Amino acid sequence: MPKIVYYVASSLDGFIAGKQDDISQFVPKGPGVDQYLTDLADFQTVIMGRRTYEFGYAYGLEPGQPAYPHMQHYIFSGSLELPKVSDQVHVEPLARDRIRQIAAGSPTDVYLCGGGAFAGWLLDHGLIDQLKLKLNPIVLGEGVPLFGNSTTPARWVPTESESFSDGIQLLTYERAVD
């Protein structure tokens, strides 16, 4: 079965965005960022929460259109309303069974884009199989935590690490099986 992979940029202190969703301190380009973009090409399915999808509007994403043209998008929200929706974009109610069904039907691993509250909910329900951190050499001090407000303990087994000249480290972990 395809894995749900939380592939996300993080600060050293565990934030995926700073105060007011600021991402300006993250490394914007270089070999670590290039590797991340190359890796995204391997996914054909993406899941995300409403806030992550709407975050893309500030970067030119048109409401109802896919953020990644080569992927099927599943946006989990009870309140998102979109005009003219692409056939690649599906708005779904938050439900464990539906997430499992999407993963089971995906031709590739599933990219969990963004995170925060949605990633925390997935963690709480044991739905993240792999964590791939694009660790940036910054400390933000506050912002959007990697797993939102989740307090669920979880153990992860490191499986791969790669360092790049732009300061980024790509760290891969598999969820530990108890």
N, C-alpha and C. Protein backbone atom coordinates (compact mmCIF):
# COMPACT_ATOMS: atom_id res chain seq x y z
N MET A 1 0.85 -1.19 0.00
CA MET A 1 0.00 0.00 0.00
C MET A 1 0.89 1.24 0.00
N PRO A 2 0.53 2.25 -0.78
CA PRO A 2 1.31 3.49 -0.78
C PRO A 2 1.34 4.13 0.60
N LYS A 3 2.44 4.79 0.88
CA LYS A 3 2.64 5.49 2.16
C LYS A 3 2.11 6.91 2.08
N ILE A 4 1.71 7.44 3.23
CA ILE A 4 1.44 8.87 3.35
C ILE A 4 2.74 9.48 3.87
N VAL A 5 3.30 10.38 3.06
CA VAL A 5 4.61 10.97 3.34
C VAL A 5 4.44 12.45 3.66
N TYR A 6 4.77 12.81 4.89
CA TYR A 6 4.75 14.21 5.30
C TYR A 6 6.11 14.79 4.94
N TYR A 7 6.18 15.45 3.80
CA TYR A 7 7.42 16.02 3.26
C TYR A 7 7.29 17.52 3.41
N VAL A 8 8.05 18.10 4.33
CA VAL A 8 7.79 19.49 4.71
C VAL A 8 9.07 20.20 5.13
N ALA A 9 9.13 21.49 4.85
CA ALA A 9 10.21 22.33 5.34
C ALA A 9 9.97 22.64 6.80
N SER A 10 11.04 22.61 7.58
CA SER A 10 10.94 22.90 9.00
C SER A 10 12.14 23.72 9.45
N SER A 11 11.90 24.56 10.43
CA SER A 11 13.00 25.26 11.09
C SER A 11 13.62 24.31 12.10
N LEU A 12 14.76 24.68 12.62
CA LEU A 12 15.42 23.85 13.63
C LEU A 12 14.56 23.68 14.88
N ASP A 13 13.70 24.67 15.15
CA ASP A 13 12.85 24.59 16.34
C ASP A 13 11.44 24.08 16.03
N GLY A 14 11.26 23.45 14.86
CA GLY A 14 10.03 22.72 14.59
C GLY A 14 8.85 23.50 14.07
N PHE A 15 9.10 24.61 13.37
CA PHE A 15 8.01 25.38 12.78
C PHE A 15 8.06 25.26 11.26
N ILE A 16 6.87 25.12 10.64
CA ILE A 16 6.81 25.03 9.18
C ILE A 16 6.53 26.39 8.54
N ALA A 17 6.23 27.36 9.34
CA ALA A 17 6.08 28.76 8.92
C ALA A 17 6.24 29.60 10.17
N GLY A 18 6.63 30.83 9.98
CA GLY A 18 6.78 31.73 11.11
C GLY A 18 5.46 32.41 11.46
N LYS A 19 5.59 33.45 12.24
CA LYS A 19 4.43 34.25 12.64
C LYS A 19 3.71 34.76 11.39
N GLN A 20 2.40 34.73 11.42
CA GLN A 20 1.54 35.15 10.30
C GLN A 20 1.88 34.40 9.00
N ASP A 21 2.22 33.11 9.13
CA ASP A 21 2.52 32.24 8.00
C ASP A 21 3.71 32.70 7.16
N ASP A 22 4.62 33.44 7.78
CA ASP A 22 5.80 33.95 7.07
C ASP A 22 6.78 32.80 6.77
N ILE A 23 7.15 32.66 5.49
CA ILE A 23 8.13 31.64 5.10
C ILE A 23 9.40 32.28 4.53
N SER A 24 9.54 33.59 4.69
CA SER A 24 10.66 34.32 4.07
C SER A 24 12.03 33.93 4.61
N GLN A 25 12.10 33.33 5.79
CA GLN A 25 13.39 32.95 6.36
C GLN A 25 13.89 31.59 5.87
N PHE A 26 13.01 30.81 5.25
CA PHE A 26 13.41 29.50 4.74
C PHE A 26 14.32 29.67 3.52
N VAL A 27 15.23 28.73 3.33
CA VAL A 27 16.14 28.76 2.18
C VAL A 27 15.30 28.71 0.90
N PRO A 28 15.40 29.76 0.03
CA PRO A 28 14.53 29.82 -1.14
C PRO A 28 15.02 29.05 -2.37
N LYS A 29 16.32 28.81 -2.45
CA LYS A 29 16.85 28.10 -3.62
C LYS A 29 18.19 27.49 -3.28
N GLY A 30 18.59 26.54 -4.11
CA GLY A 30 19.85 25.85 -3.91
C GLY A 30 19.65 24.36 -4.10
N PRO A 31 20.70 23.57 -3.90
CA PRO A 31 20.61 22.13 -4.18
C PRO A 31 19.63 21.37 -3.29
N GLY A 32 19.44 21.78 -2.05
CA GLY A 32 18.46 21.11 -1.18
C GLY A 32 17.04 21.36 -1.65
N VAL A 33 16.77 22.58 -2.07
CA VAL A 33 15.45 22.93 -2.60
C VAL A 33 15.24 22.21 -3.94
N ASP A 34 16.28 22.16 -4.76
CA ASP A 34 16.18 21.45 -6.04
C ASP A 34 15.85 19.97 -5.84
N GLN A 35 16.46 19.35 -4.82
CA GLN A 35 16.18 17.94 -4.54
C GLN A 35 14.73 17.75 -4.13
N TYR A 36 14.23 18.65 -3.29
CA TYR A 36 12.83 18.60 -2.87
C TYR A 36 11.91 18.67 -4.09
N LEU A 37 12.17 19.61 -4.99
CA LEU A 37 11.33 19.76 -6.18
C LEU A 37 11.41 18.52 -7.08
N THR A 38 12.59 17.95 -7.19
CA THR A 38 12.76 16.71 -7.95
C THR A 38 11.94 15.59 -7.32
N ASP A 39 12.00 15.49 -5.99
CA ASP A 39 11.26 14.44 -5.28
C ASP A 39 9.75 14.58 -5.47
N LEU A 40 9.25 15.82 -5.53
CA LEU A 40 7.80 16.02 -5.69
C LEU A 40 7.29 15.43 -7.00
N ALA A 41 8.16 15.36 -8.01
CA ALA A 41 7.74 14.81 -9.30
C ALA A 41 7.35 13.34 -9.20
N ASP A 42 7.79 12.66 -8.14
CA ASP A 42 7.48 11.24 -7.97
C ASP A 42 6.07 10.98 -7.41
N PHE A 43 5.41 12.03 -6.92
CA PHE A 43 4.08 11.87 -6.34
C PHE A 43 3.00 12.16 -7.39
N GLN A 44 1.91 11.38 -7.34
CA GLN A 44 0.77 11.66 -8.21
C GLN A 44 -0.48 12.04 -7.42
N THR A 45 -0.37 11.97 -6.10
CA THR A 45 -1.50 12.27 -5.21
C THR A 45 -1.01 13.16 -4.09
N VAL A 46 -1.78 14.22 -3.79
CA VAL A 46 -1.45 15.12 -2.70
C VAL A 46 -2.68 15.31 -1.83
N ILE A 47 -2.46 15.33 -0.50
CA ILE A 47 -3.52 15.66 0.45
C ILE A 47 -3.07 16.88 1.24
N MET A 48 -4.03 17.70 1.63
CA MET A 48 -3.73 18.90 2.40
C MET A 48 -4.99 19.40 3.07
N GLY A 49 -4.80 20.30 4.02
CA GLY A 49 -5.92 20.96 4.66
C GLY A 49 -6.26 22.26 3.94
N ARG A 50 -7.37 22.85 4.33
CA ARG A 50 -7.84 24.09 3.72
C ARG A 50 -6.82 25.21 3.81
N ARG A 51 -6.22 25.41 4.99
CA ARG A 51 -5.28 26.52 5.16
C ARG A 51 -4.08 26.39 4.23
N THR A 52 -3.58 25.19 4.04
CA THR A 52 -2.44 24.99 3.14
C THR A 52 -2.85 25.31 1.71
N TYR A 53 -4.01 24.83 1.29
CA TYR A 53 -4.47 25.12 -0.07
C TYR A 53 -4.62 26.63 -0.27
N GLU A 54 -5.29 27.29 0.66
CA GLU A 54 -5.51 28.73 0.53
C GLU A 54 -4.21 29.53 0.64
N PHE A 55 -3.22 29.00 1.32
CA PHE A 55 -1.90 29.64 1.41
C PHE A 55 -1.34 29.87 0.00
N GLY A 56 -1.61 28.94 -0.89
CA GLY A 56 -1.12 29.05 -2.26
C GLY A 56 -1.67 30.23 -3.03
N TYR A 57 -2.80 30.78 -2.62
CA TYR A 57 -3.39 31.93 -3.30
C TYR A 57 -2.40 33.10 -3.34
N ALA A 58 -1.65 33.28 -2.27
CA ALA A 58 -0.68 34.38 -2.20
C ALA A 58 0.47 34.20 -3.18
N TYR A 59 0.59 33.01 -3.74
CA TYR A 59 1.69 32.70 -4.67
C TYR A 59 1.17 32.40 -6.08
N GLY A 60 -0.06 32.85 -6.36
CA GLY A 60 -0.61 32.74 -7.71
C GLY A 60 -1.55 31.59 -7.96
N LEU A 61 -1.79 30.73 -6.97
CA LEU A 61 -2.73 29.63 -7.16
C LEU A 61 -4.14 30.19 -7.32
N GLU A 62 -4.80 29.77 -8.38
CA GLU A 62 -6.19 30.16 -8.61
C GLU A 62 -7.10 29.21 -7.84
N PRO A 63 -8.06 29.74 -7.08
CA PRO A 63 -8.98 28.87 -6.35
C PRO A 63 -9.64 27.84 -7.28
N GLY A 64 -9.63 26.58 -6.85
CA GLY A 64 -10.22 25.51 -7.62
C GLY A 64 -9.27 24.82 -8.57
N GLN A 65 -8.06 25.35 -8.70
CA GLN A 65 -7.07 24.77 -9.60
C GLN A 65 -6.02 23.99 -8.82
N PRO A 66 -5.34 23.05 -9.46
CA PRO A 66 -4.32 22.26 -8.75
C PRO A 66 -3.05 23.08 -8.49
N ALA A 67 -2.49 22.91 -7.32
CA ALA A 67 -1.21 23.55 -7.00
C ALA A 67 -0.06 22.82 -7.70
N TYR A 68 -0.24 21.54 -7.93
CA TYR A 68 0.76 20.69 -8.60
C TYR A 68 0.06 20.05 -9.79
N PRO A 69 0.31 20.53 -11.00
CA PRO A 69 -0.44 20.07 -12.17
C PRO A 69 -0.40 18.56 -12.43
N HIS A 70 0.61 17.88 -11.95
CA HIS A 70 0.72 16.44 -12.22
C HIS A 70 0.10 15.57 -11.12
N MET A 71 -0.55 16.19 -10.12
CA MET A 71 -1.11 15.43 -9.00
C MET A 71 -2.62 15.60 -8.89
N GLN A 72 -3.27 14.53 -8.38
CA GLN A 72 -4.66 14.62 -7.94
C GLN A 72 -4.63 15.24 -6.54
N HIS A 73 -5.48 16.23 -6.31
CA HIS A 73 -5.51 16.97 -5.04
C HIS A 73 -6.74 16.60 -4.22
N TYR A 74 -6.52 16.31 -2.95
CA TYR A 74 -7.60 16.06 -2.01
C TYR A 74 -7.42 17.05 -0.86
N ILE A 75 -8.36 17.99 -0.77
CA ILE A 75 -8.29 19.04 0.24
C ILE A 75 -9.35 18.72 1.28
N PHE A 76 -8.90 18.57 2.52
CA PHE A 76 -9.81 18.17 3.59
C PHE A 76 -10.28 19.41 4.34
N SER A 77 -11.58 19.68 4.18
CA SER A 77 -12.17 20.87 4.78
C SER A 77 -13.68 20.74 4.84
N GLY A 78 -14.24 21.26 5.89
CA GLY A 78 -15.70 21.31 5.99
C GLY A 78 -16.25 22.67 5.59
N SER A 79 -15.35 23.61 5.24
CA SER A 79 -15.82 24.96 4.95
C SER A 79 -15.32 25.54 3.62
N LEU A 80 -14.41 24.88 2.95
CA LEU A 80 -13.85 25.42 1.71
C LEU A 80 -14.87 25.34 0.58
N GLU A 81 -15.13 26.48 -0.04
CA GLU A 81 -16.00 26.54 -1.21
C GLU A 81 -15.19 27.11 -2.35
N LEU A 82 -15.22 26.42 -3.48
CA LEU A 82 -14.42 26.83 -4.62
C LEU A 82 -15.29 27.06 -5.85
N PRO A 83 -14.98 28.10 -6.60
CA PRO A 83 -15.65 28.27 -7.88
C PRO A 83 -14.98 27.35 -8.89
N LYS A 84 -15.56 27.09 -9.98
CA LYS A 84 -14.96 26.37 -11.10
C LYS A 84 -13.79 25.47 -10.68
N VAL A 85 -14.12 24.27 -10.29
CA VAL A 85 -13.14 23.33 -9.74
C VAL A 85 -12.59 22.41 -10.84
N SER A 86 -11.28 22.32 -10.90
CA SER A 86 -10.61 21.40 -11.82
C SER A 86 -10.98 19.97 -11.48
N ASP A 87 -10.92 19.09 -12.47
CA ASP A 87 -11.20 17.68 -12.19
C ASP A 87 -10.06 17.03 -11.40
N GLN A 88 -8.97 17.75 -11.16
CA GLN A 88 -7.86 17.26 -10.33
C GLN A 88 -8.01 17.68 -8.87
N VAL A 89 -9.01 18.49 -8.55
CA VAL A 89 -9.17 19.02 -7.20
C VAL A 89 -10.46 18.48 -6.60
N HIS A 90 -10.34 17.88 -5.41
CA HIS A 90 -11.47 17.28 -4.72
C HIS A 90 -11.48 17.81 -3.28
N VAL A 91 -12.59 18.37 -2.86
CA VAL A 91 -12.74 18.82 -1.48
C VAL A 91 -13.47 17.71 -0.73
N GLU A 92 -12.89 17.31 0.39
CA GLU A 92 -13.37 16.14 1.13
C GLU A 92 -13.63 16.50 2.60
N PRO A 93 -14.63 15.86 3.22
CA PRO A 93 -14.77 16.01 4.67
C PRO A 93 -13.65 15.21 5.36
N LEU A 94 -13.24 15.67 6.50
CA LEU A 94 -12.16 15.01 7.24
C LEU A 94 -12.65 13.68 7.79
N ALA A 95 -12.07 12.58 7.27
CA ALA A 95 -12.48 11.24 7.70
C ALA A 95 -11.33 10.27 7.48
N ARG A 96 -11.00 9.52 8.53
CA ARG A 96 -9.90 8.54 8.45
C ARG A 96 -10.10 7.54 7.31
N ASP A 97 -11.29 7.00 7.21
CA ASP A 97 -11.55 5.99 6.18
C ASP A 97 -11.32 6.54 4.78
N ARG A 98 -11.71 7.79 4.56
CA ARG A 98 -11.52 8.39 3.23
C ARG A 98 -10.03 8.58 2.94
N ILE A 99 -9.28 8.99 3.92
CA ILE A 99 -7.83 9.17 3.73
C ILE A 99 -7.19 7.82 3.41
N ARG A 100 -7.58 6.79 4.14
CA ARG A 100 -7.05 5.44 3.85
C ARG A 100 -7.45 4.98 2.44
N GLN A 101 -8.66 5.28 2.05
CA GLN A 101 -9.14 4.91 0.72
C GLN A 101 -8.34 5.63 -0.37
N ILE A 102 -8.07 6.89 -0.19
CA ILE A 102 -7.28 7.66 -1.16
C ILE A 102 -5.87 7.08 -1.25
N ALA A 103 -5.26 6.80 -0.11
CA ALA A 103 -3.91 6.23 -0.12
C ALA A 103 -3.90 4.87 -0.81
N ALA A 104 -4.87 4.03 -0.50
CA ALA A 104 -4.92 2.70 -1.10
C ALA A 104 -5.08 2.75 -2.61
N GLY A 105 -5.78 3.77 -3.11
CA GLY A 105 -6.02 3.89 -4.54
C GLY A 105 -4.98 4.69 -5.29
N SER A 106 -4.00 5.24 -4.58
CA SER A 106 -2.99 6.07 -5.23
C SER A 106 -1.96 5.20 -5.96
N PRO A 107 -1.57 5.61 -7.17
CA PRO A 107 -0.54 4.86 -7.90
C PRO A 107 0.87 5.08 -7.34
N THR A 108 1.02 6.08 -6.48
CA THR A 108 2.31 6.39 -5.85
C THR A 108 2.08 6.65 -4.36
N ASP A 109 3.17 6.85 -3.62
CA ASP A 109 3.01 7.34 -2.26
C ASP A 109 2.24 8.65 -2.31
N VAL A 110 1.62 9.02 -1.20
CA VAL A 110 0.79 10.22 -1.11
C VAL A 110 1.59 11.32 -0.42
N TYR A 111 1.65 12.47 -1.05
CA TYR A 111 2.35 13.63 -0.52
C TYR A 111 1.42 14.40 0.40
N LEU A 112 1.78 14.50 1.67
CA LEU A 112 1.07 15.36 2.62
C LEU A 112 1.73 16.72 2.52
N CYS A 113 1.03 17.66 1.91
CA CYS A 113 1.56 19.01 1.69
C CYS A 113 1.15 19.90 2.85
N GLY A 114 2.09 20.74 3.25
CA GLY A 114 1.79 21.65 4.34
C GLY A 114 1.75 20.88 5.64
N GLY A 115 0.85 21.21 6.47
CA GLY A 115 0.81 20.48 7.72
C GLY A 115 0.14 21.27 8.81
N GLY A 116 0.84 21.46 9.90
CA GLY A 116 0.25 22.12 11.04
C GLY A 116 -0.91 21.32 11.59
N ALA A 117 -2.08 21.94 11.64
CA ALA A 117 -3.24 21.30 12.26
C ALA A 117 -3.63 19.99 11.56
N PHE A 118 -3.61 19.97 10.22
CA PHE A 118 -3.99 18.76 9.50
C PHE A 118 -2.98 17.64 9.76
N ALA A 119 -1.69 17.96 9.73
CA ALA A 119 -0.67 16.95 10.03
C ALA A 119 -0.81 16.44 11.46
N GLY A 120 -1.15 17.33 12.39
CA GLY A 120 -1.38 16.90 13.77
C GLY A 120 -2.54 15.94 13.87
N TRP A 121 -3.63 16.22 13.16
CA TRP A 121 -4.78 15.32 13.15
C TRP A 121 -4.39 13.97 12.57
N LEU A 122 -3.62 13.97 11.47
CA LEU A 122 -3.18 12.71 10.87
C LEU A 122 -2.28 11.94 11.83
N LEU A 123 -1.39 12.64 12.53
CA LEU A 123 -0.53 12.00 13.52
C LEU A 123 -1.37 11.38 14.63
N ASP A 124 -2.35 12.14 15.12
CA ASP A 124 -3.24 11.64 16.18
C ASP A 124 -3.94 10.34 15.78
N HIS A 125 -4.18 10.16 14.48
CA HIS A 125 -4.91 9.00 13.99
C HIS A 125 -4.00 7.96 13.32
N GLY A 126 -2.70 8.10 13.51
CA GLY A 126 -1.75 7.10 13.00
C GLY A 126 -1.71 6.99 11.49
N LEU A 127 -1.93 8.11 10.80
CA LEU A 127 -2.03 8.07 9.35
C LEU A 127 -0.79 8.58 8.61
N ILE A 128 0.25 8.93 9.30
CA ILE A 128 1.49 9.34 8.62
C ILE A 128 2.47 8.18 8.70
N ASP A 129 2.92 7.73 7.54
CA ASP A 129 3.84 6.59 7.48
C ASP A 129 5.30 7.00 7.45
N GLN A 130 5.55 8.12 6.79
CA GLN A 130 6.94 8.57 6.64
C GLN A 130 6.99 10.08 6.85
N LEU A 131 8.04 10.52 7.50
CA LEU A 131 8.30 11.94 7.74
C LEU A 131 9.58 12.29 7.00
N LYS A 132 9.49 13.26 6.11
CA LYS A 132 10.67 13.70 5.36
C LYS A 132 10.80 15.20 5.61
N LEU A 133 11.77 15.55 6.46
CA LEU A 133 11.97 16.95 6.84
C LEU A 133 13.01 17.60 5.95
N LYS A 134 12.64 18.74 5.40
CA LYS A 134 13.59 19.61 4.70
C LYS A 134 14.03 20.63 5.76
N LEU A 135 15.00 20.21 6.57
CA LEU A 135 15.40 21.00 7.73
C LEU A 135 16.24 22.20 7.32
N ASN A 136 15.74 23.38 7.66
CA ASN A 136 16.41 24.63 7.31
C ASN A 136 17.23 25.13 8.49
N PRO A 137 18.37 25.76 8.23
CA PRO A 137 19.24 26.23 9.30
C PRO A 137 18.78 27.56 9.89
N ILE A 138 17.56 27.57 10.41
CA ILE A 138 16.98 28.78 10.99
C ILE A 138 16.23 28.41 12.28
N VAL A 139 16.09 29.39 13.15
CA VAL A 139 15.25 29.27 14.34
C VAL A 139 14.22 30.39 14.23
N LEU A 140 12.94 30.02 14.22
CA LEU A 140 11.87 31.01 14.06
C LEU A 140 11.31 31.50 15.39
N GLY A 141 11.35 30.68 16.42
CA GLY A 141 10.87 31.09 17.73
C GLY A 141 9.38 30.98 17.92
N GLU A 142 8.62 31.15 16.87
CA GLU A 142 7.16 31.01 16.93
C GLU A 142 6.63 30.83 15.51
N GLY A 143 5.37 30.41 15.43
CA GLY A 143 4.76 30.22 14.12
C GLY A 143 3.88 29.00 14.10
N VAL A 144 3.88 28.31 12.96
CA VAL A 144 3.04 27.13 12.76
C VAL A 144 3.85 25.89 13.11
N PRO A 145 3.50 25.19 14.21
CA PRO A 145 4.25 24.00 14.60
C PRO A 145 4.08 22.86 13.59
N LEU A 146 5.11 22.05 13.49
CA LEU A 146 5.16 20.92 12.57
C LEU A 146 3.91 20.05 12.64
N PHE A 147 3.42 19.80 13.86
CA PHE A 147 2.23 18.96 14.05
C PHE A 147 1.10 19.73 14.74
N GLY A 148 1.00 21.02 14.49
CA GLY A 148 -0.07 21.82 15.06
C GLY A 148 -0.10 21.71 16.57
N ASN A 149 -1.27 21.50 17.12
CA ASN A 149 -1.44 21.38 18.57
C ASN A 149 -1.44 19.94 19.06
N SER A 150 -1.06 19.00 18.21
CA SER A 150 -1.08 17.59 18.60
C SER A 150 -0.13 17.35 19.77
N THR A 151 -0.58 16.51 20.68
CA THR A 151 0.28 16.10 21.80
C THR A 151 0.49 14.58 21.77
N THR A 152 0.19 13.98 20.64
CA THR A 152 0.34 12.53 20.49
C THR A 152 1.81 12.15 20.41
N PRO A 153 2.27 11.29 21.31
CA PRO A 153 3.66 10.84 21.19
C PRO A 153 3.81 9.86 20.02
N ALA A 154 4.95 9.91 19.36
CA ALA A 154 5.21 9.00 18.24
C ALA A 154 6.71 8.79 18.13
N ARG A 155 7.09 7.57 17.82
CA ARG A 155 8.51 7.27 17.61
C ARG A 155 8.75 7.09 16.12
N TRP A 156 9.90 7.57 15.68
CA TRP A 156 10.28 7.51 14.28
C TRP A 156 11.67 6.91 14.16
N VAL A 157 11.89 6.14 13.12
CA VAL A 157 13.18 5.49 12.88
C VAL A 157 13.87 6.22 11.73
N PRO A 158 15.06 6.78 11.97
CA PRO A 158 15.75 7.46 10.87
C PRO A 158 16.20 6.45 9.82
N THR A 159 15.97 6.79 8.55
CA THR A 159 16.33 5.87 7.47
C THR A 159 17.28 6.50 6.45
N GLU A 160 17.32 7.82 6.41
CA GLU A 160 18.16 8.47 5.40
C GLU A 160 18.42 9.91 5.82
N SER A 161 19.60 10.41 5.48
CA SER A 161 19.89 11.83 5.68
C SER A 161 20.83 12.30 4.58
N GLU A 162 20.62 13.52 4.18
CA GLU A 162 21.43 14.10 3.13
C GLU A 162 21.61 15.58 3.45
N SER A 163 22.84 16.07 3.32
CA SER A 163 23.15 17.48 3.59
C SER A 163 23.52 18.18 2.29
N PHE A 164 23.13 19.43 2.19
CA PHE A 164 23.36 20.21 0.98
C PHE A 164 24.10 21.51 1.30
N SER A 165 24.77 22.05 0.30
CA SER A 165 25.59 23.25 0.49
C SER A 165 24.77 24.49 0.83
N ASP A 166 23.46 24.46 0.57
CA ASP A 166 22.61 25.60 0.94
C ASP A 166 22.19 25.56 2.40
N GLY A 167 22.70 24.57 3.15
CA GLY A 167 22.40 24.45 4.57
C GLY A 167 21.24 23.52 4.88
N ILE A 168 20.51 23.12 3.88
CA ILE A 168 19.37 22.22 4.09
C ILE A 168 19.86 20.80 4.34
N GLN A 169 19.16 20.13 5.24
CA GLN A 169 19.34 18.70 5.45
C GLN A 169 18.00 18.04 5.14
N LEU A 170 18.03 16.99 4.34
CA LEU A 170 16.83 16.19 4.12
C LEU A 170 16.93 14.97 5.02
N LEU A 171 16.01 14.87 5.96
CA LEU A 171 16.00 13.80 6.96
C LEU A 171 14.74 12.97 6.77
N THR A 172 14.93 11.67 6.58
CA THR A 172 13.80 10.78 6.35
C THR A 172 13.65 9.81 7.53
N TYR A 173 12.40 9.67 7.98
CA TYR A 173 12.06 8.80 9.11
C TYR A 173 10.86 7.96 8.73
N GLU A 174 10.87 6.71 9.16
CA GLU A 174 9.69 5.84 9.04
C GLU A 174 9.04 5.76 10.42
N ARG A 175 7.72 5.68 10.43
CA ARG A 175 7.01 5.54 11.71
C ARG A 175 7.40 4.21 12.33
N ALA A 176 7.78 4.25 13.58
CA ALA A 176 8.17 3.03 14.30
C ALA A 176 6.92 2.19 14.58
N VAL A 177 7.06 0.90 14.38
CA VAL A 177 5.96 -0.02 14.67
C VAL A 177 6.16 -0.55 16.08
N ASP A 178 5.18 -0.34 16.93
CA ASP A 178 5.28 -0.78 18.32
C ASP A 178 5.00 -2.25 18.47
